[in-house]
Amino acid sequence: MGNLSVNHYAKLVPSEKGIAITFAMDLAEIPTFELLQAWDLPKEAPRGVLERRAAAEARLWVSRLRIVQNGKALLPTIESTELAVLDGAGNLPVFRVTTRLHVDAKAGRVEFEDENYPARTGWREVVIEAGVGAKITAASKNSADLSYALTAYPQDPLLAPPQDKAAWLEWNAVVTPVNVSQALPVPSGASVVPMPSGAMASVSQAAGRPAEVVASGTVQRGDAISKLLRTENMSWGVMALLLGLSFWFGALHALEPGHGKTMVAAYLVGARGTPKHAVLLGATVTFAHTISVFALGLVTMFLSQYILPEKIVKVLGLVSGVSIIWLGGMMLWRRLQKLSGHHHQDRDHQHPHSHDHDHSHGPETHSHVPQGEISMGSLIALGASGGLVPCPSALILLLSAISIGKAGLGMMLLLTFSLGLALVLTATGLLVLYARNLFPERKGGSGMVFRFLPVISATAVLVIGILMTGYSLGLLPANRLIG
């Protein structure tokens, strides 16, 4: 779910006294940063001030809970609110607010719905458990407590986060008090981490975020760069080390799937690119990524109450995907036309044995690949599309530096991160070009393969654009298919 997620938890326990509800909200680094901006408070604000603002925010969240019995809305009473301030990635804080509620309800059917942050991604869990003097006769789902109020999460990274926005239960009062709570059975195959001793009593001992497999180059809680950002009096040496780590993180991040390496390679091979084109592509990616993250940072700081940053990321992903579809489609159309003309010349025995190359291949590197078209416009458009979608880790670095009053350092961290990202893309292009030149193009069967190579590469670019668009529209589960 990452640094943009907002996670929800609600545990409903009917009993002879009514319904007790434990309601928890966990905000990742960027939503917490937005909340502090809305409160006009620094992250170093006194604990008491933060707790008062969190209690006020909890009242607002509780007002957005819909609890209905027999068509009548039930108003919960807030009994207590607890704030946990946790260390997040890049030395940014993470807030988890746990509120305990009481609802005066009698036995029967009760409906519950959480209407907070409907457009934001995250973990949404509703737990239903019978308390003393109550017996659950029916419920919307068999529910096991997976996260214990967002303090201890399942360790299985393949477990999909629950998305329980609403639930209902039916319960009867029992004459004999029940001493042991009657939890609903655990669903088959569920993997649950045992609750740490005192986890519910001490809400500050766990990370407050779902366990997940962290990709290489992702800024995370407790890593070297996060620790360095805690340095109060930064020397030039510390800042230089931060910039070096940022560059390294960007390069590692680019090695993970989903950063356009396949697209860059396909374009350069099919269009018969040169090292100059590979370098220009890398520079364009750097510029586009720096601008997109900077713009997203401005939105996060000043406009997040109007525009959700994750919505902007999806829109940028959609624009990027559609742009690549257009580029890939145009490339495929032109190359099919050239291939058709090339075949026609072969039939008429009019194929010339000299081509107007931009550079010399020597007498033994005669090519049967239809001459590719690399225009400045298509090259810049492809690079911009590749760097348009911002990496959350880069945004974390920018906001972390801004939060400690070092906006200039934040811009430099962003730039070096983008340079590391672009270096890998450029190196990928150069390696592919070098590998292509290792294979001489011959007549016959192998010549046929080289002849169709531009068409194959254009098709690959088109398919990548379709995958990116599908992911941005939510039609595909993840963009890990795009290298």
Protein backbone atom coordinates (compact mmCIF):
# COMPACT_ATOMS: atom_id res chain seq x y z
CA MET A 1 0.00 0.00 0.00
CA GLY A 2 2.94 2.27 0.43
CA ASN A 3 3.53 5.76 1.70
CA LEU A 4 0.19 7.13 0.46
CA SER A 5 -2.08 4.66 2.26
CA VAL A 6 -4.72 5.31 4.90
CA ASN A 7 -5.61 2.17 6.86
CA HIS A 8 -8.88 1.50 8.71
CA TYR A 9 -9.89 -0.91 11.46
CA ALA A 10 -13.18 -1.38 13.31
CA LYS A 11 -14.00 -4.10 15.83
CA LEU A 12 -17.68 -4.48 16.80
CA VAL A 13 -18.40 -6.37 20.04
CA PRO A 14 -22.12 -6.62 20.98
CA SER A 15 -22.84 -7.40 24.63
CA GLU A 16 -25.53 -7.04 27.26
CA LYS A 17 -24.45 -3.39 27.65
CA GLY A 18 -24.68 -2.45 23.97
CA ILE A 19 -21.98 -2.48 21.30
CA ALA A 20 -18.36 -1.64 22.02
CA ILE A 21 -16.39 -0.46 18.99
CA THR A 22 -12.63 -0.13 18.67
CA PHE A 23 -11.97 2.18 15.73
CA ALA A 24 -8.40 2.78 14.53
CA MET A 25 -6.97 4.88 11.73
CA ASP A 26 -3.37 4.54 10.56
CA LEU A 27 -2.00 7.20 8.22
CA ALA A 28 1.18 6.50 6.28
CA GLU A 29 3.92 9.10 5.84
CA ILE A 30 2.35 11.32 3.18
CA PRO A 31 -1.21 11.44 4.64
CA THR A 32 0.36 12.19 8.05
CA PHE A 33 2.38 15.01 6.46
CA GLU A 34 -0.86 16.36 4.94
CA LEU A 35 -2.61 16.18 8.31
CA LEU A 36 0.17 18.16 9.99
CA GLN A 37 -0.06 20.72 7.19
CA ALA A 38 -3.82 21.01 7.78
CA TRP A 39 -3.21 21.45 11.52
CA ASP A 40 -0.47 24.00 10.78
CA LEU A 41 1.86 22.12 13.10
CA PRO A 42 5.44 20.93 12.70
CA LYS A 43 6.22 17.28 13.33
CA GLU A 44 8.16 18.37 16.45
CA ALA A 45 5.01 19.89 18.02
CA PRO A 46 4.52 19.10 21.75
CA ARG A 47 2.91 15.77 22.47
CA GLY A 48 -0.04 17.36 24.25
CA VAL A 49 -0.83 19.58 21.27
CA LEU A 50 -0.72 16.61 18.89
CA GLU A 51 -3.01 14.58 21.16
CA ARG A 52 -5.60 17.37 21.33
CA ARG A 53 -5.62 17.76 17.55
CA ALA A 54 -5.80 13.98 17.10
CA ALA A 55 -8.79 13.80 19.47
CA ALA A 56 -10.55 16.51 17.45
CA GLU A 57 -9.76 14.66 14.22
CA ALA A 58 -11.06 11.42 15.75
CA ARG A 59 -14.39 13.13 16.49
CA LEU A 60 -14.61 14.08 12.82
CA TRP A 61 -13.81 10.51 11.73
CA VAL A 62 -16.39 9.07 14.14
CA SER A 63 -19.04 11.42 12.73
CA ARG A 64 -18.50 9.69 9.38
CA LEU A 65 -19.31 6.25 10.76
CA ARG A 66 -22.81 5.10 9.86
CA ILE A 67 -24.38 2.79 12.46
CA VAL A 68 -28.01 1.84 11.86
CA GLN A 69 -30.49 -0.45 13.66
CA ASN A 70 -34.01 -0.99 12.33
CA GLY A 71 -33.62 2.03 10.05
CA LYS A 72 -32.63 4.31 12.92
CA ALA A 73 -29.19 5.91 13.10
CA LEU A 74 -27.30 5.22 16.31
CA LEU A 75 -24.87 7.82 17.65
CA PRO A 76 -21.70 6.40 19.22
CA THR A 77 -20.21 7.86 22.39
CA ILE A 78 -16.44 8.37 22.46
CA GLU A 79 -14.91 6.84 25.57
CA SER A 80 -11.21 7.36 24.85
CA THR A 81 -8.75 8.33 22.12
CA GLU A 82 -5.09 7.31 21.92
CA LEU A 83 -2.44 8.66 19.57
CA ALA A 84 0.66 6.73 18.53
CA VAL A 85 3.39 8.74 16.78
CA LEU A 86 5.72 6.34 14.99
CA ASP A 87 8.90 6.77 12.97
CA GLY A 88 8.24 6.44 9.25
CA ALA A 89 10.35 6.44 6.12
CA GLY A 90 12.66 9.39 5.57
CA ASN A 91 12.29 10.54 9.19
CA LEU A 92 8.64 11.45 8.56
CA PRO A 93 6.16 10.55 11.32
CA VAL A 94 3.30 8.07 11.02
CA PHE A 95 0.11 8.62 13.04
CA ARG A 96 -2.17 5.90 14.36
CA VAL A 97 -5.27 7.04 16.25
CA THR A 98 -7.26 4.45 18.22
CA THR A 99 -10.71 5.46 19.46
CA ARG A 100 -12.96 3.39 21.71
CA LEU A 101 -16.69 3.91 21.28
CA HIS A 102 -19.91 2.75 22.90
CA VAL A 103 -23.22 2.42 21.08
CA ASP A 104 -26.46 2.02 23.01
CA ALA A 105 -28.06 -0.78 20.98
CA LYS A 106 -30.37 -3.67 21.73
CA ALA A 107 -30.29 -7.16 20.29
CA GLY A 108 -31.20 -7.33 16.61
CA ARG A 109 -29.66 -6.37 13.30
CA VAL A 110 -27.03 -3.65 13.21
CA GLU A 111 -25.41 -2.19 10.09
CA PHE A 112 -22.02 -0.47 10.11
CA GLU A 113 -20.28 1.59 7.42
CA ASP A 114 -17.03 3.56 7.46
CA GLU A 115 -17.29 6.57 5.13
CA ASN A 116 -13.86 8.03 5.89
CA TYR A 117 -11.43 8.55 3.00
CA PRO A 118 -13.42 6.54 0.44
CA ALA A 119 -11.04 7.40 -2.41
CA ARG A 120 -7.77 6.55 -0.65
CA THR A 121 -6.08 3.18 -0.84
CA GLY A 122 -5.28 1.15 2.24
CA TRP A 123 -6.14 -1.69 4.59
CA ARG A 124 -9.84 -1.74 5.57
CA GLU A 125 -10.73 -4.31 8.21
CA VAL A 126 -13.95 -4.91 10.14
CA VAL A 127 -13.96 -7.50 12.93
CA ILE A 128 -17.14 -8.90 14.50
CA GLU A 129 -16.94 -10.66 17.87
CA ALA A 130 -19.56 -11.62 20.47
CA GLY A 131 -19.16 -10.22 23.95
CA VAL A 132 -20.62 -11.12 27.32
CA GLY A 133 -24.37 -11.71 27.20
CA ALA A 134 -24.59 -11.78 23.40
CA LYS A 135 -24.73 -14.44 20.71
CA ILE A 136 -24.15 -13.62 17.05
CA THR A 137 -26.70 -15.44 14.88
CA ALA A 138 -25.63 -14.05 11.49
CA ALA A 139 -23.05 -11.69 10.06
CA SER A 140 -22.00 -10.30 6.71
CA LYS A 141 -18.76 -12.27 6.83
CA ASN A 142 -16.79 -14.66 8.97
CA SER A 143 -14.29 -12.32 10.52
CA ALA A 144 -10.96 -12.98 12.21
CA ASP A 145 -8.87 -10.23 13.76
CA LEU A 146 -5.98 -9.98 11.29
CA SER A 147 -4.18 -6.86 12.50
CA TYR A 148 -5.21 -6.32 16.14
CA ALA A 149 -6.17 -2.69 15.67
CA LEU A 150 -3.38 -2.14 13.14
CA THR A 151 -0.62 -3.19 15.54
CA ALA A 152 0.33 -6.71 14.32
CA TYR A 153 -0.20 -7.69 10.72
CA PRO A 154 -0.14 -11.01 8.83
CA GLN A 155 3.35 -11.77 7.59
CA ASP A 156 2.17 -13.35 4.34
CA PRO A 157 2.97 -10.77 1.60
CA LEU A 158 0.58 -12.57 -0.78
CA LEU A 159 -2.41 -11.94 1.50
CA ALA A 160 -4.58 -9.30 -0.15
CA PRO A 161 -5.45 -6.39 2.17
CA PRO A 162 -9.10 -6.56 3.27
CA GLN A 163 -11.44 -3.94 1.85
CA ASP A 164 -14.28 -3.98 4.38
CA LYS A 165 -16.04 -0.63 4.07
CA ALA A 166 -19.29 -1.97 5.52
CA ALA A 167 -20.58 -4.89 7.59
CA TRP A 168 -23.71 -6.07 9.37
CA LEU A 169 -24.51 -8.46 12.20
CA GLU A 170 -27.53 -9.98 13.91
CA TRP A 171 -27.33 -10.93 17.56
CA ASN A 172 -29.47 -12.13 20.42
CA ALA A 173 -29.15 -11.59 24.14
CA VAL A 174 -28.40 -14.72 26.14
CA VAL A 175 -29.72 -15.40 29.63
CA THR A 176 -26.55 -17.01 30.97
CA PRO A 177 -23.57 -14.64 30.87
CA VAL A 178 -20.80 -15.85 28.65
CA ASN A 179 -17.38 -15.68 30.29
CA VAL A 180 -15.36 -16.41 27.18
CA SER A 181 -15.86 -14.26 24.10
CA GLN A 182 -17.27 -16.17 21.16
CA ALA A 183 -15.16 -15.12 18.25
CA LEU A 184 -16.26 -16.08 14.78
CA PRO A 185 -14.19 -18.87 13.24
CA VAL A 186 -10.97 -18.00 11.45
CA PRO A 187 -11.39 -18.34 7.67
CA SER A 188 -9.65 -21.34 6.18
CA GLY A 189 -6.10 -20.59 5.10
CA ALA A 190 -5.78 -17.33 7.03
CA SER A 191 -2.37 -16.58 8.49
CA VAL A 192 -2.40 -14.42 11.59
CA VAL A 193 0.49 -13.09 13.64
CA PRO A 194 -0.04 -13.73 17.38
CA MET A 195 -0.88 -10.50 19.19
CA PRO A 196 2.11 -9.18 21.09
CA SER A 197 1.77 -9.05 24.85
CA GLY A 198 -0.06 -5.84 25.72
CA ALA A 199 -0.52 -4.82 22.09
CA MET A 200 -3.92 -3.27 22.67
CA ALA A 201 -2.75 -1.53 25.83
CA SER A 202 0.30 -0.02 24.21
CA VAL A 203 -0.55 1.22 20.75
CA SER A 204 2.92 2.59 20.14
CA GLN A 205 4.91 -0.63 20.03
CA ALA A 206 4.19 -1.68 16.44
CA ALA A 207 4.91 -0.01 13.16
CA GLY A 208 1.27 0.67 12.39
CA ARG A 209 1.49 -0.35 8.77
CA PRO A 210 0.91 -3.61 6.90
CA ALA A 211 3.92 -5.85 6.44
CA GLU A 212 4.96 -5.92 2.82
CA VAL A 213 7.85 -6.93 0.64
CA VAL A 214 9.94 -3.78 0.22
CA ALA A 215 11.45 -3.23 -3.21
CA SER A 216 15.11 -2.35 -3.59
CA GLY A 217 15.73 1.40 -3.50
CA THR A 218 12.58 2.12 -1.51
CA VAL A 219 13.05 4.58 1.34
CA GLN A 220 11.75 2.85 4.46
CA ARG A 221 11.60 3.27 8.22
CA GLY A 222 14.95 2.96 9.97
CA ASP A 223 17.20 2.80 6.89
CA ALA A 224 20.44 4.76 6.53
CA ILE A 225 18.95 7.71 4.69
CA SER A 226 16.10 8.02 7.23
CA LYS A 227 18.60 8.05 10.09
CA LEU A 228 20.76 10.69 8.41
CA LEU A 229 17.73 12.92 7.91
CA ARG A 230 17.34 12.99 11.71
CA THR A 231 20.70 14.75 12.06
CA GLU A 232 20.05 18.11 13.71
CA ASN A 233 23.17 20.02 12.62
CA MET A 234 24.00 18.72 9.16
CA SER A 235 27.57 19.16 8.02
CA TRP A 236 28.57 19.33 4.36
CA GLY A 237 29.83 15.77 4.70
CA VAL A 238 26.45 14.50 5.91
CA MET A 239 24.67 16.31 3.07
CA ALA A 240 27.11 14.85 0.53
CA LEU A 241 26.47 11.38 1.95
CA LEU A 242 22.72 11.98 1.72
CA LEU A 243 23.03 12.97 -1.93
CA GLY A 244 25.12 9.89 -2.67
CA LEU A 245 22.60 7.62 -0.96
CA SER A 246 19.76 9.31 -2.83
CA PHE A 247 21.52 8.64 -6.15
CA TRP A 248 22.09 5.01 -5.13
CA PHE A 249 18.46 4.59 -4.06
CA GLY A 250 17.27 5.97 -7.40
CA ALA A 251 19.48 3.53 -9.31
CA LEU A 252 18.32 0.58 -7.20
CA HIS A 253 14.71 1.68 -7.58
CA ALA A 254 15.05 1.69 -11.37
CA LEU A 255 16.27 -1.91 -11.31
CA GLU A 256 12.89 -3.01 -9.96
CA PRO A 257 10.15 -3.92 -12.46
CA GLY A 258 7.93 -1.09 -13.59
CA HIS A 259 10.28 1.68 -14.73
CA GLY A 260 10.21 1.43 -18.51
CA LYS A 261 13.48 -0.41 -19.16
CA THR A 262 11.74 -2.78 -21.59
CA MET A 263 10.13 0.16 -23.37
CA VAL A 264 13.42 2.04 -23.74
CA ALA A 265 15.21 -1.06 -25.01
CA ALA A 266 12.46 -1.88 -27.51
CA TYR A 267 12.40 1.66 -28.85
CA LEU A 268 16.16 2.02 -29.28
CA VAL A 269 16.57 -1.39 -30.94
CA GLY A 270 13.63 -1.02 -33.29
CA ALA A 271 14.43 2.56 -34.24
CA ARG A 272 18.15 1.82 -34.71
CA GLY A 273 19.11 4.29 -32.01
CA THR A 274 22.59 5.50 -31.18
CA PRO A 275 24.32 6.10 -27.83
CA LYS A 276 23.42 9.77 -28.21
CA HIS A 277 19.75 8.84 -28.31
CA ALA A 278 20.11 6.65 -25.21
CA VAL A 279 21.72 9.52 -23.27
CA LEU A 280 19.03 11.96 -24.40
CA LEU A 281 16.35 9.52 -23.29
CA GLY A 282 17.95 9.31 -19.84
CA ALA A 283 18.18 13.10 -19.56
CA THR A 284 14.52 13.48 -20.53
CA VAL A 285 13.47 10.90 -17.95
CA THR A 286 15.46 12.76 -15.27
CA PHE A 287 13.84 16.09 -16.12
CA ALA A 288 10.30 14.69 -16.33
CA HIS A 289 10.61 12.73 -13.09
CA THR A 290 12.04 15.69 -11.18
CA ILE A 291 9.26 18.00 -12.36
CA SER A 292 6.48 15.46 -11.65
CA VAL A 293 7.67 14.75 -8.09
CA PHE A 294 8.16 18.46 -7.39
CA ALA A 295 4.63 19.21 -8.64
CA LEU A 296 3.22 16.37 -6.54
CA GLY A 297 5.08 17.75 -3.53
CA LEU A 298 3.45 21.16 -4.04
CA VAL A 299 0.03 19.52 -4.23
CA THR A 300 0.73 17.51 -1.06
CA MET A 301 1.77 20.65 0.81
CA PHE A 302 -0.84 23.13 -0.35
CA LEU A 303 -3.71 21.45 -2.21
CA SER A 304 -4.19 18.02 -0.64
CA GLN A 305 -7.56 19.07 0.82
CA TYR A 306 -8.78 19.56 -2.76
CA ILE A 307 -6.76 17.02 -4.74
CA LEU A 308 -5.59 13.63 -3.48
CA PRO A 309 -1.93 12.99 -4.42
CA GLU A 310 -2.67 9.36 -5.32
CA LYS A 311 -5.31 10.56 -7.79
CA ILE A 312 -2.67 12.70 -9.48
CA VAL A 313 -0.35 9.69 -9.64
CA LYS A 314 -3.11 7.69 -11.36
CA VAL A 315 -3.85 10.52 -13.80
CA LEU A 316 -0.16 10.88 -14.64
CA GLY A 317 0.02 7.12 -15.13
CA LEU A 318 -2.96 7.30 -17.47
CA VAL A 319 -1.45 10.18 -19.46
CA SER A 320 1.84 8.28 -19.65
CA GLY A 321 0.13 5.08 -20.79
CA VAL A 322 -2.00 6.79 -23.44
CA SER A 323 1.05 8.69 -24.73
CA ILE A 324 2.99 5.46 -25.08
CA ILE A 325 0.03 3.80 -26.84
CA TRP A 326 -0.01 6.68 -29.32
CA LEU A 327 3.75 6.53 -29.86
CA GLY A 328 3.73 2.75 -30.19
CA GLY A 329 0.78 2.83 -32.56
CA MET A 330 2.40 5.45 -34.81
CA MET A 331 5.69 3.53 -34.79
CA LEU A 332 3.93 0.28 -35.68
CA TRP A 333 1.96 1.89 -38.51
CA ARG A 334 5.02 3.52 -40.08
CA ARG A 335 7.15 0.41 -39.76
CA LEU A 336 4.50 -1.81 -41.29
CA GLN A 337 4.32 0.60 -44.22
CA LYS A 338 8.12 0.57 -44.61
CA LEU A 339 8.23 -3.21 -44.32
CA SER A 340 5.59 -3.53 -47.01
CA GLY A 341 7.55 -1.21 -49.31
CA HIS A 342 10.78 -3.08 -48.58
CA HIS A 343 9.21 -6.41 -49.53
CA HIS A 344 7.83 -4.92 -52.73
CA GLN A 345 11.32 -3.77 -53.72
CA ASP A 346 12.71 -7.24 -53.00
CA ARG A 347 10.18 -8.81 -55.38
CA ASP A 348 11.08 -6.40 -58.16
CA HIS A 349 14.83 -6.96 -57.56
CA GLN A 350 15.25 -3.25 -57.04
CA HIS A 351 16.60 -3.34 -53.52
CA PRO A 352 19.67 -1.09 -53.38
CA HIS A 353 22.77 -2.27 -51.58
CA SER A 354 23.50 1.03 -49.96
CA HIS A 355 21.54 2.83 -47.28
CA ASP A 356 21.67 6.33 -45.92
CA HIS A 357 22.83 5.57 -42.41
CA ASP A 358 23.63 8.23 -39.88
CA HIS A 359 26.91 6.40 -39.22
CA SER A 360 29.08 3.88 -41.01
CA HIS A 361 28.86 0.15 -40.40
CA GLY A 362 31.78 -0.80 -42.65
CA PRO A 363 31.56 -2.96 -45.75
CA GLU A 364 30.43 -6.13 -43.94
CA THR A 365 27.51 -4.75 -41.91
CA HIS A 366 24.97 -4.36 -44.67
CA SER A 367 21.55 -4.17 -42.98
CA HIS A 368 18.22 -5.61 -43.98
CA VAL A 369 16.46 -3.80 -41.13
CA PRO A 370 14.10 -1.11 -42.47
CA GLN A 371 15.59 2.23 -41.49
CA GLY A 372 14.11 3.36 -38.18
CA GLU A 373 12.75 6.81 -37.56
CA ILE A 374 14.04 8.65 -34.49
CA SER A 375 12.70 12.16 -34.31
CA MET A 376 13.43 14.57 -31.50
CA GLY A 377 9.71 14.77 -30.76
CA SER A 378 9.17 11.04 -30.37
CA LEU A 379 12.35 10.66 -28.32
CA ILE A 380 11.40 13.43 -25.90
CA ALA A 381 7.80 12.20 -25.71
CA LEU A 382 8.96 8.70 -24.83
CA GLY A 383 11.39 9.95 -22.18
CA ALA A 384 8.77 12.25 -20.68
CA SER A 385 6.27 9.39 -20.55
CA GLY A 386 8.84 7.18 -18.83
CA GLY A 387 9.55 9.77 -16.12
CA LEU A 388 6.07 11.23 -15.74
CA VAL A 389 4.87 8.88 -12.98
CA PRO A 390 6.55 9.96 -9.70
CA CYS A 391 8.16 7.46 -7.33
CA PRO A 392 6.76 7.78 -3.77
CA SER A 393 10.28 7.31 -2.36
CA ALA A 394 11.45 10.44 -4.19
CA LEU A 395 8.48 12.35 -2.80
CA ILE A 396 9.35 11.10 0.70
CA LEU A 397 12.89 12.47 0.35
CA LEU A 398 11.59 15.86 -0.81
CA LEU A 399 9.00 16.18 1.97
CA SER A 400 11.45 14.93 4.61
CA ALA A 401 13.93 17.69 3.80
CA ILE A 402 11.17 20.32 3.65
CA SER A 403 9.86 19.19 7.06
CA ILE A 404 13.24 20.01 8.64
CA GLY A 405 13.44 23.38 6.88
CA LYS A 406 15.86 22.37 4.12
CA ALA A 407 13.88 22.79 0.90
CA GLY A 408 17.08 23.26 -1.13
CA LEU A 409 18.44 19.95 0.12
CA GLY A 410 15.10 18.36 -0.74
CA MET A 411 15.36 19.51 -4.36
CA MET A 412 18.93 18.23 -4.57
CA LEU A 413 17.87 14.85 -3.11
CA LEU A 414 15.07 14.68 -5.67
CA LEU A 415 17.43 15.53 -8.51
CA THR A 416 20.06 12.95 -7.49
CA PHE A 417 17.36 10.29 -7.05
CA SER A 418 16.09 11.04 -10.57
CA LEU A 419 19.66 10.96 -11.91
CA GLY A 420 20.14 7.49 -10.43
CA LEU A 421 16.88 6.39 -12.02
CA ALA A 422 17.91 7.80 -15.39
CA LEU A 423 21.39 6.27 -15.19
CA VAL A 424 19.94 2.77 -15.14
CA LEU A 425 17.60 3.52 -18.05
CA THR A 426 20.47 5.04 -20.06
CA ALA A 427 22.75 2.11 -19.23
CA THR A 428 20.00 -0.28 -20.29
CA GLY A 429 19.73 1.48 -23.63
CA LEU A 430 23.51 1.49 -24.17
CA LEU A 431 23.81 -2.20 -23.28
CA VAL A 432 21.01 -3.12 -25.66
CA LEU A 433 22.60 -1.10 -28.46
CA TYR A 434 25.96 -2.76 -27.81
CA ALA A 435 24.36 -6.21 -27.77
CA ARG A 436 22.53 -5.48 -31.02
CA ASN A 437 25.80 -4.64 -32.77
CA LEU A 438 27.30 -7.97 -31.69
CA PHE A 439 24.94 -9.81 -34.03
CA PRO A 440 25.67 -9.25 -37.72
CA GLU A 441 22.61 -9.00 -39.93
CA ARG A 442 22.61 -11.64 -42.66
CA LYS A 443 20.43 -12.63 -45.52
CA GLY A 444 18.12 -15.59 -45.29
CA GLY A 445 16.40 -16.70 -42.09
CA SER A 446 18.32 -14.47 -39.71
CA GLY A 447 17.90 -11.54 -42.10
CA MET A 448 14.14 -12.05 -41.92
CA VAL A 449 14.29 -11.77 -38.12
CA PHE A 450 16.21 -8.47 -38.32
CA ARG A 451 13.81 -7.22 -40.97
CA PHE A 452 10.84 -7.71 -38.65
CA LEU A 453 12.66 -6.41 -35.56
CA PRO A 454 11.36 -2.80 -35.86
CA VAL A 455 7.79 -4.11 -36.09
CA ILE A 456 8.31 -6.37 -33.07
CA SER A 457 9.81 -3.53 -31.01
CA ALA A 458 6.99 -1.13 -31.94
CA THR A 459 4.48 -3.79 -30.91
CA ALA A 460 6.29 -4.14 -27.57
CA VAL A 461 6.06 -0.38 -26.95
CA LEU A 462 2.34 -0.47 -27.82
CA VAL A 463 1.68 -3.39 -25.45
CA ILE A 464 3.56 -1.66 -22.61
CA GLY A 465 1.40 1.43 -23.10
CA ILE A 466 -1.75 -0.70 -22.95
CA LEU A 467 -0.56 -2.37 -19.72
CA MET A 468 0.27 1.00 -18.12
CA THR A 469 -3.13 2.38 -19.10
CA GLY A 470 -4.92 -0.69 -17.77
CA TYR A 471 -3.10 -0.39 -14.46
CA SER A 472 -3.90 3.33 -14.14
CA LEU A 473 -7.59 2.62 -14.80
CA GLY A 474 -7.59 -0.13 -12.18
CA LEU A 475 -8.24 -2.86 -14.75
CA LEU A 476 -4.95 -4.64 -13.96
CA PRO A 477 -3.81 -5.58 -10.43
CA ALA A 478 -0.24 -4.27 -10.64
CA ASN A 479 2.33 -2.77 -12.98
CA ARG A 480 5.01 -5.30 -12.06
CA LEU A 481 4.70 -6.77 -15.55
CA ILE A 482 6.35 -3.73 -17.08
CA GLY A 483 10.13 -3.91 -16.73
